[in-house]
Amino acid sequence: MKYCITLLALCIAPMVCSQSYGEFKVHPNGLIYSPAAVGKLKHIVDSLNLKFKVCDFSKRFQSLPQAQGYYVTLEGTRCKEALADMKAGMAPETFRQKYPTETYAKLPLYEKRYTDYDKKPMITWQMLDIEHNDQHGLELPMADYQTQFKEPLVQQWVYSYEVWDYDKSEHLTAIYFTSAPTRITLPDNYSRAIQYALCMIDTTQSVILADRDQFQRFERKHTKAFSSFWNYLEKKYPRAKSRPFNYELEFTLHQLNNDETPDTTAAYPFDVAEEVDYTGIDTTAVDTTAVDTAVMVVDSVALPIEPDKPSRMYRRLQRMSKEERQKLMAENEANYRYNYVQDSIWESHLAERVQTLYATDKKFKSLLHNAYEEAKSQNNSNTDLERVVAWTLGGREALEMKRRRRVVGGCSMDQGPRIHAQEIAVLAAETTHWEIFLRSHLDIMNDRFDRVSDGSYAYAGRKTYIRELEVLDINLTDLLVGITLRIDDASPHHYFSSISRIGRALAESQNREPIEKTMLAAVTASDLDIYNRQLFYYLYLNYVYNLPELAQREAAGAQLNAVLASLPFAAKGYVKKE
């Protein structure tokens, strides 16, 4: 119980701390960046736009290798027999007649070669079943692929046969290629959009310098030098004495007052997950082209799980009257509000007091420098130290410290990673580090962060902040088209967008009409490869679903539905949701 309550507190703490501003602090200009920072950024954008005008536009980009094929899956004891038929070259139509396959579909497919987190070369083929809002795929280690199969793949089966350890069940996944994967050159206007994105987004840079496998989920233990410094700071600028607030008491009182009495005998069913219709791009994985188009339907299943017995606090509070419990709850909540107000007052004067102490107190200055140097040498800073460094030593020093610390969300409601990214973006804007600012802001817009999970209820509460880019005089249409298009042989730090998130951002744009036309043009572009047309179809659909008014959704959806018959893939189009 105590562990769960502590975890809940860690998840919601960053969210509670930011509630006075919304998600982030908003300046008088209505943006999350100050007028001074916006002015500096606009000057950089003007220079980049001039630089782009003299770029070499002869460069062309290639699509991912694409083909047509049949996708099948099979489970059970006939997998070995089916595998032998595939090796013998059985046609897919004959295969379907002989075997009752779990899945059978003829679809466009694309190929991706990459190196996974274990630095193992991999190859994968993905097929977007847009009509059924689904995705199929097959992934193999490159060594296995090169040993078992020969190119070109036309009229060949590529397969993966597995026997699961825990139940010894057999599973077969395969693709029959009716054509060999080939690349096409992207049309001039789309190559130009990619080039504009490359001009704006420095592909030699990354926001976070810390290795992915060297992070810790929550804050590390403070260094000795920081503890000495912070204790001295709070001695010179003491906080008001806090009043006792008990998270476990708060949780248990709500449980009792809502008559949520634990049942120690009943089986607890899973919650029934309502049908979810969504499209997302996994932008944290190496394979950034994978599209999640699953429709999830989970039935309620009763499991004989023995729940925890009521806690000692629960039993003690249960003996009280409801009036006594309500009084106790009111006192506990009043203590929380008092502590919150006092902390807010202390925080509101912190920058001023820190700068005064730094200028007048030699011991304070010495302790701060010690904490800063030790944090740098051990690669171990924290939010409090980074703020103080920004106020005293400078924004560039604080930015470097923040970039060497990777923040991972403890749960889907944890805003910590987004707050960390926004603080990096602010410091980068104020210190004119454009290459860090834009990538960090795009991460916020795309919600590209490491989390334990990312529930839709948390996702819905986050904003995209597209307005912050619109005021910078960026050619936003070309930028977003450039990072939406998927290309072959992209550099390791090439920025690919999240389709669902950018679709939502475009719905919040102040200038939707030209963007809407650009998306529809990409969906219907016969000289653009099928996979990118499918992505723009999903982009447009996400855009429509996020428009604020039903009339807008109906009008935009009708435009998409009018072109469905001309598409080289089957699609349902926009469907009105009540």
Protein backbone atom coordinates (compact mmCIF):
# COMPACT_ATOMS: atom_id res chain seq x y z
CA MET A 1 0.00 0.00 0.00
CA LYS A 2 2.71 2.49 1.01
CA TYR A 3 4.68 1.70 -2.15
CA CYS A 4 1.64 2.33 -4.37
CA ILE A 5 0.87 5.63 -2.64
CA THR A 6 4.50 6.74 -2.94
CA LEU A 7 4.52 5.87 -6.64
CA LEU A 8 1.28 7.79 -7.17
CA ALA A 9 2.79 10.82 -5.42
CA LEU A 10 5.87 10.65 -7.65
CA CYS A 11 3.68 10.48 -10.73
CA ILE A 12 1.44 13.41 -9.91
CA ALA A 13 3.97 15.68 -8.20
CA PRO A 14 5.28 17.35 -11.40
CA MET A 15 1.71 17.72 -12.62
CA VAL A 16 0.58 19.39 -9.38
CA CYS A 17 3.58 21.71 -9.38
CA SER A 18 2.70 23.03 -12.84
CA GLN A 19 -1.01 23.57 -12.24
CA SER A 20 -0.60 27.25 -11.38
CA TYR A 21 0.49 27.84 -15.00
CA GLY A 22 -1.34 25.06 -16.80
CA GLU A 23 1.17 22.62 -18.24
CA PHE A 24 3.94 25.21 -18.55
CA LYS A 25 4.31 28.83 -17.53
CA VAL A 26 2.78 31.16 -20.13
CA HIS A 27 4.34 34.59 -20.65
CA PRO A 28 2.39 37.83 -21.38
CA ASN A 29 2.83 37.16 -25.12
CA GLY A 30 0.66 34.05 -24.69
CA LEU A 31 3.60 31.70 -25.38
CA ILE A 32 5.75 29.43 -23.23
CA TYR A 33 8.82 31.46 -24.29
CA SER A 34 9.47 35.05 -23.26
CA PRO A 35 9.26 37.92 -25.76
CA ALA A 36 13.04 38.36 -25.53
CA ALA A 37 13.65 34.67 -26.33
CA VAL A 38 11.18 34.75 -29.23
CA GLY A 39 12.96 37.80 -30.65
CA LYS A 40 16.30 35.97 -30.59
CA LEU A 41 14.80 32.89 -32.21
CA LYS A 42 13.11 34.88 -34.99
CA HIS A 43 16.46 36.42 -35.87
CA ILE A 44 17.97 32.92 -36.20
CA VAL A 45 15.04 31.72 -38.33
CA ASP A 46 15.46 34.70 -40.66
CA SER A 47 19.11 33.72 -41.17
CA LEU A 48 18.23 30.06 -41.77
CA ASN A 49 15.52 31.00 -44.28
CA LEU A 50 18.07 33.07 -46.21
CA LYS A 51 20.54 30.19 -46.05
CA PHE A 52 17.90 27.81 -47.39
CA LYS A 53 17.31 29.99 -50.46
CA VAL A 54 20.86 29.30 -51.67
CA CYS A 55 20.85 25.56 -50.89
CA ASP A 56 21.62 23.00 -53.58
CA PHE A 57 18.15 21.79 -54.57
CA SER A 58 19.43 19.12 -56.90
CA LYS A 59 19.56 16.55 -54.10
CA ARG A 60 16.80 13.93 -54.26
CA PHE A 61 15.64 11.54 -51.59
CA GLN A 62 14.61 7.92 -51.97
CA SER A 63 11.56 6.23 -50.52
CA LEU A 64 11.85 3.17 -48.32
CA PRO A 65 11.94 -0.06 -50.39
CA GLN A 66 8.34 -1.09 -51.11
CA ALA A 67 6.54 -4.03 -52.68
CA GLN A 68 3.23 -5.92 -52.74
CA GLY A 69 2.71 -9.13 -50.84
CA TYR A 70 0.52 -11.58 -48.93
CA TYR A 71 0.78 -11.75 -45.16
CA VAL A 72 -0.19 -14.91 -43.29
CA THR A 73 0.01 -16.21 -39.73
CA LEU A 74 -0.59 -19.73 -38.52
CA GLU A 75 -0.58 -21.39 -35.10
CA GLY A 76 -0.69 -25.02 -34.01
CA THR A 77 0.68 -28.39 -34.97
CA ARG A 78 0.46 -27.86 -38.75
CA CYS A 79 3.07 -25.07 -38.72
CA LYS A 80 5.93 -27.43 -39.65
CA GLU A 81 3.94 -28.85 -42.55
CA ALA A 82 3.03 -25.33 -43.70
CA LEU A 83 6.67 -24.26 -43.44
CA ALA A 84 7.70 -27.15 -45.70
CA ASP A 85 5.08 -26.06 -48.27
CA MET A 86 6.44 -22.50 -48.17
CA LYS A 87 9.98 -23.75 -48.76
CA ALA A 88 8.62 -25.74 -51.70
CA GLY A 89 7.20 -22.54 -53.21
CA MET A 90 3.46 -23.12 -52.67
CA ALA A 91 1.37 -20.23 -54.08
CA PRO A 92 -0.42 -18.10 -51.44
CA GLU A 93 -3.89 -18.88 -52.86
CA THR A 94 -3.20 -22.62 -52.59
CA PHE A 95 -1.75 -22.12 -49.12
CA ARG A 96 -4.92 -20.40 -47.97
CA GLN A 97 -7.09 -23.24 -49.24
CA LYS A 98 -4.97 -25.85 -47.43
CA TYR A 99 -4.49 -24.09 -44.09
CA PRO A 100 -6.99 -22.23 -41.88
CA THR A 101 -4.71 -19.26 -41.28
CA GLU A 102 -5.16 -16.82 -38.41
CA THR A 103 -4.42 -13.89 -40.72
CA TYR A 104 -4.43 -13.61 -44.52
CA ALA A 105 -4.10 -10.28 -46.29
CA LYS A 106 -2.73 -8.90 -49.57
CA LEU A 107 -1.29 -5.43 -48.95
CA PRO A 108 1.47 -2.97 -49.86
CA LEU A 109 4.56 -3.40 -47.69
CA TYR A 110 7.71 -1.48 -46.92
CA GLU A 111 11.15 -2.66 -45.87
CA LYS A 112 13.40 -1.20 -43.20
CA ARG A 113 16.95 -2.18 -42.27
CA TYR A 114 18.36 -0.90 -38.99
CA THR A 115 20.41 -1.71 -35.90
CA ASP A 116 18.49 -2.47 -32.70
CA TYR A 117 19.33 -1.40 -29.14
CA ASP A 118 21.61 -4.45 -28.78
CA LYS A 119 23.52 -3.22 -31.86
CA LYS A 120 22.28 -6.20 -33.87
CA PRO A 121 21.52 -5.57 -37.58
CA MET A 122 17.84 -6.25 -38.28
CA ILE A 123 15.45 -6.26 -41.23
CA THR A 124 11.70 -5.79 -40.99
CA TRP A 125 8.74 -5.64 -43.35
CA GLN A 126 5.57 -3.81 -42.32
CA MET A 127 2.13 -3.78 -43.94
CA LEU A 128 -0.49 -1.16 -43.07
CA ASP A 129 -4.01 -2.55 -43.33
CA ILE A 130 -5.71 0.83 -43.44
CA GLU A 131 -9.16 -0.49 -44.23
CA HIS A 132 -9.20 -2.48 -40.97
CA ASN A 133 -7.03 -0.05 -38.98
CA ASP A 134 -4.42 -2.74 -38.40
CA GLN A 135 -0.74 -3.41 -38.98
CA HIS A 136 1.15 -6.60 -39.80
CA GLY A 137 4.86 -7.17 -39.69
CA LEU A 138 7.74 -9.60 -39.82
CA GLU A 139 11.17 -8.96 -38.31
CA LEU A 140 14.36 -11.01 -38.67
CA PRO A 141 18.01 -10.65 -37.63
CA MET A 142 19.92 -9.70 -40.76
CA ALA A 143 22.26 -12.66 -40.35
CA ASP A 144 19.32 -15.11 -40.38
CA TYR A 145 17.75 -13.37 -43.38
CA GLN A 146 20.93 -13.45 -45.45
CA THR A 147 21.49 -17.13 -44.58
CA GLN A 148 17.96 -18.35 -45.38
CA PHE A 149 16.77 -16.17 -48.26
CA LYS A 150 18.04 -14.93 -51.61
CA GLU A 151 17.24 -11.65 -53.33
CA PRO A 152 15.30 -10.61 -55.34
CA LEU A 153 12.37 -11.65 -53.19
CA VAL A 154 9.74 -11.72 -55.93
CA GLN A 155 7.54 -14.87 -55.76
CA GLN A 156 9.27 -16.00 -52.58
CA TRP A 157 8.12 -16.68 -49.04
CA VAL A 158 9.98 -15.01 -46.17
CA TYR A 159 9.03 -16.57 -42.86
CA SER A 160 9.64 -16.78 -39.13
CA TYR A 161 8.91 -20.05 -37.31
CA GLU A 162 8.94 -20.08 -33.49
CA VAL A 163 8.19 -22.52 -30.68
CA TRP A 164 7.28 -20.63 -27.51
CA ASP A 165 9.17 -21.82 -24.45
CA TYR A 166 6.40 -21.56 -21.88
CA ASP A 167 3.81 -23.75 -23.64
CA LYS A 168 5.78 -25.28 -26.57
CA SER A 169 3.17 -23.90 -29.02
CA GLU A 170 4.16 -23.40 -32.67
CA HIS A 171 3.82 -20.07 -34.50
CA LEU A 172 4.45 -19.23 -38.15
CA THR A 173 4.51 -15.72 -39.65
CA ALA A 174 5.26 -15.21 -43.34
CA ILE A 175 5.11 -12.80 -46.27
CA TYR A 176 4.84 -13.89 -49.91
CA PHE A 177 6.30 -11.20 -52.19
CA THR A 178 4.44 -10.68 -55.46
CA SER A 179 7.00 -8.02 -56.41
CA ALA A 180 10.53 -7.24 -55.24
CA PRO A 181 11.03 -4.27 -52.87
CA THR A 182 12.14 -1.21 -54.84
CA ARG A 183 12.79 2.45 -54.05
CA ILE A 184 11.48 5.44 -55.97
CA THR A 185 12.80 8.99 -56.06
CA LEU A 186 10.56 11.43 -54.22
CA PRO A 187 9.06 14.25 -56.32
CA ASP A 188 10.84 17.62 -56.32
CA ASN A 189 8.42 19.38 -53.98
CA TYR A 190 8.72 16.66 -51.34
CA SER A 191 12.51 16.49 -51.62
CA ARG A 192 12.54 20.27 -51.14
CA ALA A 193 10.39 19.97 -47.99
CA ILE A 194 12.80 17.39 -46.56
CA GLN A 195 15.70 19.69 -47.38
CA TYR A 196 13.96 22.56 -45.58
CA ALA A 197 13.51 20.35 -42.50
CA LEU A 198 17.20 19.41 -42.66
CA CYS A 199 18.10 23.09 -42.92
CA MET A 200 16.08 23.89 -39.82
CA ILE A 201 16.88 20.76 -37.76
CA ASP A 202 20.57 20.05 -37.21
CA THR A 203 20.99 16.28 -37.71
CA THR A 204 24.42 16.32 -36.06
CA GLN A 205 22.87 17.20 -32.69
CA SER A 206 20.81 15.41 -30.06
CA VAL A 207 18.98 17.06 -27.18
CA ILE A 208 20.04 14.63 -24.46
CA LEU A 209 23.71 13.71 -24.23
CA ALA A 210 23.24 10.98 -21.60
CA ASP A 211 23.28 7.46 -23.00
CA ARG A 212 19.89 5.74 -23.14
CA ASP A 213 21.14 2.81 -21.07
CA GLN A 214 22.64 5.02 -18.33
CA PHE A 215 19.55 6.77 -17.01
CA GLN A 216 17.85 6.27 -13.67
CA ARG A 217 14.08 6.43 -13.53
CA PHE A 218 13.89 8.86 -10.63
CA GLU A 219 16.33 11.47 -9.31
CA ARG A 220 19.71 10.09 -8.24
CA LYS A 221 20.94 10.54 -4.70
CA HIS A 222 22.31 14.06 -4.27
CA THR A 223 26.06 14.59 -4.23
CA LYS A 224 27.65 15.56 -0.91
CA ALA A 225 28.63 18.96 -2.28
CA PHE A 226 25.07 19.69 -3.40
CA SER A 227 23.63 18.64 -0.01
CA SER A 228 26.06 20.97 1.76
CA PHE A 229 25.19 23.81 -0.59
CA TRP A 230 21.42 23.32 -0.38
CA ASN A 231 21.44 23.00 3.41
CA TYR A 232 23.33 26.29 3.60
CA LEU A 233 20.87 27.94 1.19
CA GLU A 234 17.87 26.86 3.27
CA LYS A 235 19.65 28.05 6.41
CA LYS A 236 20.15 31.51 4.87
CA TYR A 237 16.69 31.52 3.29
CA PRO A 238 14.56 29.29 5.55
CA ARG A 239 11.21 27.83 4.54
CA ALA A 240 8.10 28.18 6.66
CA LYS A 241 7.60 25.19 8.95
CA SER A 242 5.45 22.68 7.10
CA ARG A 243 2.32 21.14 8.51
CA PRO A 244 1.86 17.34 8.49
CA PHE A 245 0.21 15.91 5.38
CA ASN A 246 -0.27 12.15 4.99
CA TYR A 247 -0.67 10.72 1.45
CA GLU A 248 -1.80 7.34 2.79
CA LEU A 249 -4.40 9.02 5.02
CA GLU A 250 -5.71 11.04 2.06
CA PHE A 251 -6.01 7.95 -0.12
CA THR A 252 -7.67 5.83 2.59
CA LEU A 253 -10.14 8.54 3.59
CA HIS A 254 -11.30 8.94 0.01
CA GLN A 255 -11.69 5.19 -0.23
CA LEU A 256 -13.80 5.03 2.93
CA ASN A 257 -15.92 8.10 2.23
CA ASN A 258 -16.73 6.73 -1.22
CA ASP A 259 -17.74 3.38 0.34
CA GLU A 260 -14.97 1.56 -1.55
CA THR A 261 -14.71 -1.26 0.98
CA PRO A 262 -12.11 -3.89 0.04
CA ASP A 263 -13.57 -7.36 -0.56
CA THR A 264 -11.05 -9.99 0.52
CA THR A 265 -12.97 -12.92 -0.94
CA ALA A 266 -14.16 -11.92 -4.43
CA ALA A 267 -12.23 -12.41 -7.63
CA TYR A 268 -11.23 -9.10 -9.20
CA PRO A 269 -12.01 -8.73 -12.93
CA PHE A 270 -9.94 -6.66 -15.28
CA ASP A 271 -11.51 -3.37 -16.25
CA VAL A 272 -13.20 -3.55 -19.63
CA ALA A 273 -11.15 -1.48 -22.05
CA GLU A 274 -13.41 0.47 -24.36
CA GLU A 275 -12.68 0.27 -28.05
CA VAL A 276 -9.80 2.49 -28.97
CA ASP A 277 -9.23 3.77 -32.50
CA TYR A 278 -5.86 5.43 -32.78
CA THR A 279 -2.74 5.83 -34.87
CA GLY A 280 0.68 6.53 -33.45
CA ILE A 281 4.32 6.46 -34.40
CA ASP A 282 6.84 4.90 -32.05
CA THR A 283 9.34 7.72 -32.17
CA THR A 284 11.57 6.50 -29.35
CA ALA A 285 12.56 3.25 -31.05
CA VAL A 286 15.31 2.95 -33.64
CA ASP A 287 12.77 1.87 -36.23
CA THR A 288 10.87 5.15 -36.40
CA THR A 289 8.70 4.04 -39.29
CA ALA A 290 6.61 1.57 -37.33
CA VAL A 291 2.97 2.63 -37.25
CA ASP A 292 0.65 1.50 -34.47
CA THR A 293 -2.83 1.20 -35.94
CA ALA A 294 -4.26 -1.41 -33.60
CA VAL A 295 -7.89 -1.46 -32.55
CA MET A 296 -7.96 -2.76 -29.01
CA VAL A 297 -10.98 -4.64 -27.68
CA VAL A 298 -10.51 -6.42 -24.35
CA ASP A 299 -13.25 -8.48 -22.75
CA SER A 300 -13.76 -8.57 -19.01
CA VAL A 301 -12.01 -11.60 -17.52
CA ALA A 302 -12.41 -12.68 -13.91
CA LEU A 303 -9.16 -13.85 -12.35
CA PRO A 304 -8.92 -15.49 -8.92
CA ILE A 305 -6.52 -12.88 -7.55
CA GLU A 306 -6.40 -12.55 -3.79
CA PRO A 307 -6.48 -8.78 -3.04
CA ASP A 308 -4.49 -7.17 -0.23
CA LYS A 309 -6.13 -7.14 3.16
CA PRO A 310 -7.35 -3.76 4.46
CA SER A 311 -4.48 -1.76 5.94
CA ARG A 312 -4.19 -0.96 9.65
CA MET A 313 -5.08 2.66 8.87
CA TYR A 314 -8.15 1.55 6.92
CA ARG A 315 -9.38 -0.53 9.87
CA ARG A 316 -8.71 2.30 12.34
CA LEU A 317 -10.54 4.89 10.22
CA GLN A 318 -13.38 2.46 9.57
CA ARG A 319 -14.23 2.57 13.28
CA MET A 320 -14.75 6.34 13.10
CA SER A 321 -18.00 8.01 12.13
CA LYS A 322 -18.30 9.53 8.69
CA GLU A 323 -18.33 13.01 10.24
CA GLU A 324 -15.08 12.32 12.07
CA ARG A 325 -13.45 11.08 8.90
CA GLN A 326 -14.61 14.14 6.94
CA LYS A 327 -13.17 16.41 9.62
CA LEU A 328 -9.87 14.53 9.46
CA MET A 329 -9.85 14.80 5.68
CA ALA A 330 -10.54 18.56 5.82
CA GLU A 331 -7.64 19.07 8.25
CA ASN A 332 -5.28 16.98 6.10
CA GLU A 333 -6.25 18.84 2.93
CA ALA A 334 -5.93 22.21 4.69
CA ASN A 335 -2.38 21.26 5.69
CA TYR A 336 -1.61 20.37 2.07
CA ARG A 337 -2.93 23.72 0.81
CA TYR A 338 -0.99 25.59 3.50
CA ASN A 339 2.25 23.81 2.57
CA TYR A 340 1.62 24.43 -1.12
CA VAL A 341 1.05 28.16 -0.60
CA GLN A 342 4.13 28.52 1.62
CA ASP A 343 6.28 26.61 -0.86
CA SER A 344 4.96 28.82 -3.68
CA ILE A 345 5.87 31.96 -1.72
CA TRP A 346 9.34 30.58 -1.00
CA GLU A 347 9.82 29.64 -4.63
CA SER A 348 8.65 33.04 -5.89
CA HIS A 349 11.54 34.80 -4.10
CA LEU A 350 14.15 32.08 -4.59
CA ALA A 351 15.84 33.51 -7.70
CA GLU A 352 16.21 36.95 -6.13
CA ARG A 353 17.59 35.56 -2.85
CA VAL A 354 20.01 33.24 -4.66
CA GLN A 355 21.41 36.09 -6.77
CA THR A 356 21.78 38.29 -3.70
CA LEU A 357 23.58 35.56 -1.74
CA TYR A 358 25.84 34.80 -4.71
CA ALA A 359 26.88 38.46 -4.89
CA THR A 360 27.37 39.03 -1.15
CA ASP A 361 28.08 35.70 0.60
CA LYS A 362 31.51 34.16 -0.13
CA LYS A 363 30.64 30.84 1.55
CA PHE A 364 27.46 30.53 -0.53
CA LYS A 365 29.43 31.21 -3.71
CA SER A 366 32.13 28.68 -2.78
CA LEU A 367 29.61 25.96 -1.91
CA LEU A 368 27.74 26.55 -5.17
CA HIS A 369 30.91 26.23 -7.25
CA ASN A 370 31.81 23.02 -5.40
CA ALA A 371 28.34 21.58 -6.07
CA TYR A 372 28.55 22.59 -9.73
CA GLU A 373 31.99 21.08 -10.28
CA GLU A 374 31.11 17.85 -8.48
CA ALA A 375 27.86 17.48 -10.45
CA LYS A 376 29.80 17.97 -13.70
CA SER A 377 32.53 15.49 -12.81
CA GLN A 378 30.02 12.85 -11.67
CA ASN A 379 27.49 13.66 -14.40
CA ASN A 380 24.87 13.94 -11.65
CA SER A 381 22.86 17.15 -11.42
CA ASN A 382 19.26 17.87 -10.44
CA THR A 383 16.57 20.44 -11.13
CA ASP A 384 17.33 22.62 -8.09
CA LEU A 385 21.04 22.89 -8.87
CA GLU A 386 20.36 23.57 -12.56
CA ARG A 387 18.01 26.44 -11.67
CA VAL A 388 20.54 28.02 -9.34
CA VAL A 389 23.32 27.65 -11.91
CA ALA A 390 21.13 29.35 -14.55
CA TRP A 391 20.51 32.29 -12.19
CA THR A 392 24.17 32.70 -11.25
CA LEU A 393 26.81 31.02 -13.43
CA GLY A 394 24.75 31.32 -16.62
CA GLY A 395 22.19 29.71 -18.91
CA ARG A 396 24.77 27.93 -21.08
CA GLU A 397 26.18 26.10 -18.04
CA ALA A 398 22.70 25.11 -16.87
CA LEU A 399 21.76 23.94 -20.37
CA GLU A 400 24.81 21.67 -20.54
CA MET A 401 23.88 20.13 -17.18
CA LYS A 402 20.29 19.51 -18.21
CA ARG A 403 21.33 17.86 -21.46
CA ARG A 404 23.45 15.38 -19.50
CA ARG A 405 20.46 14.21 -17.48
CA ARG A 406 17.78 11.95 -19.00
CA VAL A 407 14.41 12.14 -17.21
CA VAL A 408 12.10 9.12 -17.45
CA GLY A 409 8.43 9.27 -16.50
CA GLY A 410 7.37 7.07 -13.60
CA CYS A 411 3.92 6.63 -15.14
CA SER A 412 1.79 8.05 -17.94
CA MET A 413 0.69 11.01 -15.78
CA ASP A 414 4.25 11.99 -14.92
CA GLN A 415 4.99 15.33 -16.60
CA GLY A 416 8.64 15.23 -15.52
CA PRO A 417 10.09 14.44 -18.98
CA ARG A 418 8.03 17.18 -20.66
CA ILE A 419 8.94 19.75 -18.00
CA HIS A 420 12.62 18.82 -18.39
CA ALA A 421 12.39 19.21 -22.18
CA GLN A 422 10.62 22.56 -21.88
CA GLU A 423 13.28 23.84 -19.48
CA ILE A 424 15.93 22.79 -22.01
CA ALA A 425 14.02 24.55 -24.79
CA VAL A 426 13.75 27.75 -22.71
CA LEU A 427 17.46 27.78 -21.89
CA ALA A 428 18.34 26.98 -25.51
CA ALA A 429 16.12 29.84 -26.70
CA GLU A 430 17.60 32.32 -24.23
CA THR A 431 21.17 31.33 -25.11
CA THR A 432 20.45 31.14 -28.89
CA HIS A 433 21.17 27.41 -29.21
CA TRP A 434 18.75 26.98 -32.11
CA GLU A 435 19.79 23.41 -32.89
CA ILE A 436 18.86 22.33 -29.33
CA PHE A 437 15.78 24.55 -29.05
CA LEU A 438 13.99 23.25 -32.14
CA ARG A 439 14.63 19.57 -31.46
CA SER A 440 13.51 19.97 -27.84
CA HIS A 441 10.36 21.87 -28.83
CA LEU A 442 9.55 19.25 -31.47
CA ASP A 443 9.97 16.59 -28.78
CA ILE A 444 7.34 18.42 -26.71
CA MET A 445 5.06 18.72 -29.75
CA ASN A 446 5.53 15.04 -30.61
CA ASP A 447 5.41 13.94 -26.95
CA ARG A 448 8.61 11.97 -27.58
CA PHE A 449 9.77 10.83 -24.16
CA ASP A 450 10.65 7.71 -22.18
CA ARG A 451 7.80 6.56 -19.94
CA VAL A 452 6.73 3.45 -18.11
CA SER A 453 3.40 3.77 -19.91
CA ASP A 454 1.48 6.46 -21.73
CA GLY A 455 -2.26 6.24 -21.11
CA SER A 456 -4.66 8.10 -23.39
CA TYR A 457 -6.10 10.02 -20.41
CA ALA A 458 -2.67 11.55 -19.77
CA TYR A 459 -2.00 12.08 -23.48
CA ALA A 460 -5.22 14.07 -23.84
CA GLY A 461 -4.13 16.61 -21.22
CA ARG A 462 -0.96 17.62 -23.04
CA LYS A 463 -0.73 20.42 -25.57
CA THR A 464 1.30 20.57 -28.78
CA TYR A 465 2.43 24.24 -28.71
CA ILE A 466 2.38 24.69 -32.46
CA ARG A 467 1.70 28.41 -31.99
CA GLU A 468 5.24 28.84 -30.62
CA LEU A 469 6.62 27.76 -33.99
CA GLU A 470 4.10 29.72 -36.05
CA VAL A 471 5.25 33.06 -34.57
CA LEU A 472 8.87 32.40 -35.58
CA ASP A 473 8.19 32.82 -39.32
CA ILE A 474 9.14 29.21 -40.04
CA ASN A 475 7.66 27.70 -43.18
CA LEU A 476 5.69 25.38 -40.95
CA THR A 477 4.04 23.47 -43.79
CA ASP A 478 7.36 22.47 -45.36
CA LEU A 479 8.88 21.71 -41.96
CA LEU A 480 6.10 19.34 -40.92
CA VAL A 481 5.87 17.73 -44.37
CA GLY A 482 9.63 17.23 -44.28
CA ILE A 483 9.60 15.39 -40.95
CA THR A 484 6.49 13.37 -41.85
CA LEU A 485 7.95 11.85 -45.03
CA ARG A 486 9.85 8.59 -44.47
CA ILE A 487 13.04 8.20 -46.50
CA ASP A 488 15.71 5.57 -47.02
CA ASP A 489 19.22 5.94 -45.57
CA ALA A 490 18.31 8.79 -43.24
CA SER A 491 21.02 10.01 -40.87
CA PRO A 492 20.92 8.63 -37.30
CA HIS A 493 19.57 11.91 -35.91
CA HIS A 494 17.08 12.62 -38.70
CA TYR A 495 13.85 13.88 -37.10
CA PHE A 496 10.73 11.85 -37.90
CA SER A 497 7.39 13.08 -36.58
CA SER A 498 4.72 11.27 -34.62
CA ILE A 499 1.77 11.03 -37.01
CA SER A 500 -0.93 11.18 -34.33
CA ARG A 501 0.70 14.02 -32.43
CA ILE A 502 1.44 16.18 -35.47
CA GLY A 503 -2.10 15.58 -36.69
CA ARG A 504 -3.35 17.00 -33.42
CA ALA A 505 -0.91 19.91 -33.63
CA LEU A 506 -2.14 20.84 -37.11
CA ALA A 507 -5.70 20.90 -35.79
CA GLU A 508 -4.52 23.58 -33.31
CA SER A 509 -2.85 25.67 -36.03
CA GLN A 510 -3.92 29.24 -36.72
CA ASN A 511 -3.56 28.68 -40.47
CA ARG A 512 -5.17 25.33 -41.23
CA GLU A 513 -6.40 25.81 -44.80
CA PRO A 514 -3.06 25.59 -46.69
CA ILE A 515 -1.88 22.75 -44.47
CA GLU A 516 -5.11 20.86 -45.13
CA LYS A 517 -4.64 21.23 -48.88
CA THR A 518 -1.03 20.07 -48.63
CA MET A 519 -1.99 16.91 -46.73
CA LEU A 520 -4.75 16.02 -49.22
CA ALA A 521 -2.38 16.66 -52.12
CA ALA A 522 0.11 14.19 -50.60
CA VAL A 523 -2.60 11.55 -50.08
CA THR A 524 -3.60 11.77 -53.75
CA ALA A 525 -0.10 12.30 -55.23
CA SER A 526 0.32 9.51 -57.80
CA ASP A 527 4.07 10.21 -58.08
CA LEU A 528 4.62 9.74 -54.33
CA ASP A 529 5.32 6.26 -52.95
CA ILE A 530 2.40 4.36 -51.41
CA TYR A 531 3.79 4.19 -47.87
CA ASN A 532 4.19 7.95 -47.57
CA ARG A 533 0.70 8.41 -49.03
CA GLN A 534 -0.60 6.07 -46.33
CA LEU A 535 1.16 8.13 -43.65
CA PHE A 536 -0.37 11.35 -44.95
CA TYR A 537 -3.76 9.60 -44.97
CA TYR A 538 -3.29 8.84 -41.26
CA LEU A 539 -1.97 12.36 -40.65
CA TYR A 540 -5.07 13.88 -42.25
CA LEU A 541 -7.38 11.52 -40.36
CA ASN A 542 -5.76 12.45 -37.03
CA TYR A 543 -6.04 16.10 -37.99
CA VAL A 544 -9.76 15.72 -38.70
CA TYR A 545 -10.48 13.87 -35.46
CA ASN A 546 -8.81 16.66 -33.44
CA LEU A 547 -10.62 19.61 -35.04
CA PRO A 548 -12.55 21.42 -32.29
CA GLU A 549 -16.00 21.60 -33.94
CA LEU A 550 -18.19 18.94 -35.53
CA ALA A 551 -18.92 21.10 -38.59
CA GLN A 552 -15.18 21.46 -39.23
CA ARG A 553 -14.65 17.71 -38.87
CA GLU A 554 -17.53 16.95 -41.22
CA ALA A 555 -16.29 19.35 -43.90
CA ALA A 556 -12.65 18.18 -43.72
CA GLY A 557 -13.70 14.53 -43.51
CA ALA A 558 -15.87 14.87 -46.62
CA GLN A 559 -12.84 16.08 -48.60
CA LEU A 560 -10.90 12.97 -47.61
CA ASN A 561 -13.79 10.63 -48.40
CA ALA A 562 -14.15 12.19 -51.85
CA VAL A 563 -10.70 10.91 -52.90
CA LEU A 564 -10.84 7.39 -51.42
CA ALA A 565 -11.73 5.69 -54.71
CA SER A 566 -8.54 7.00 -56.34
CA LEU A 567 -6.16 5.67 -53.67
CA PRO A 568 -3.90 2.63 -54.32
CA PHE A 569 -4.98 1.13 -50.99
CA ALA A 570 -8.35 0.37 -49.40
CA ALA A 571 -9.46 2.83 -46.70
CA LYS A 572 -12.63 3.64 -44.77
CA GLY A 573 -11.97 7.36 -44.56
CA TYR A 574 -13.62 9.67 -42.07
CA VAL A 575 -16.45 8.18 -40.03
CA LYS A 576 -18.58 10.49 -37.94
CA LYS A 577 -18.34 9.86 -34.21
CA GLU A 578 -21.33 10.71 -32.07
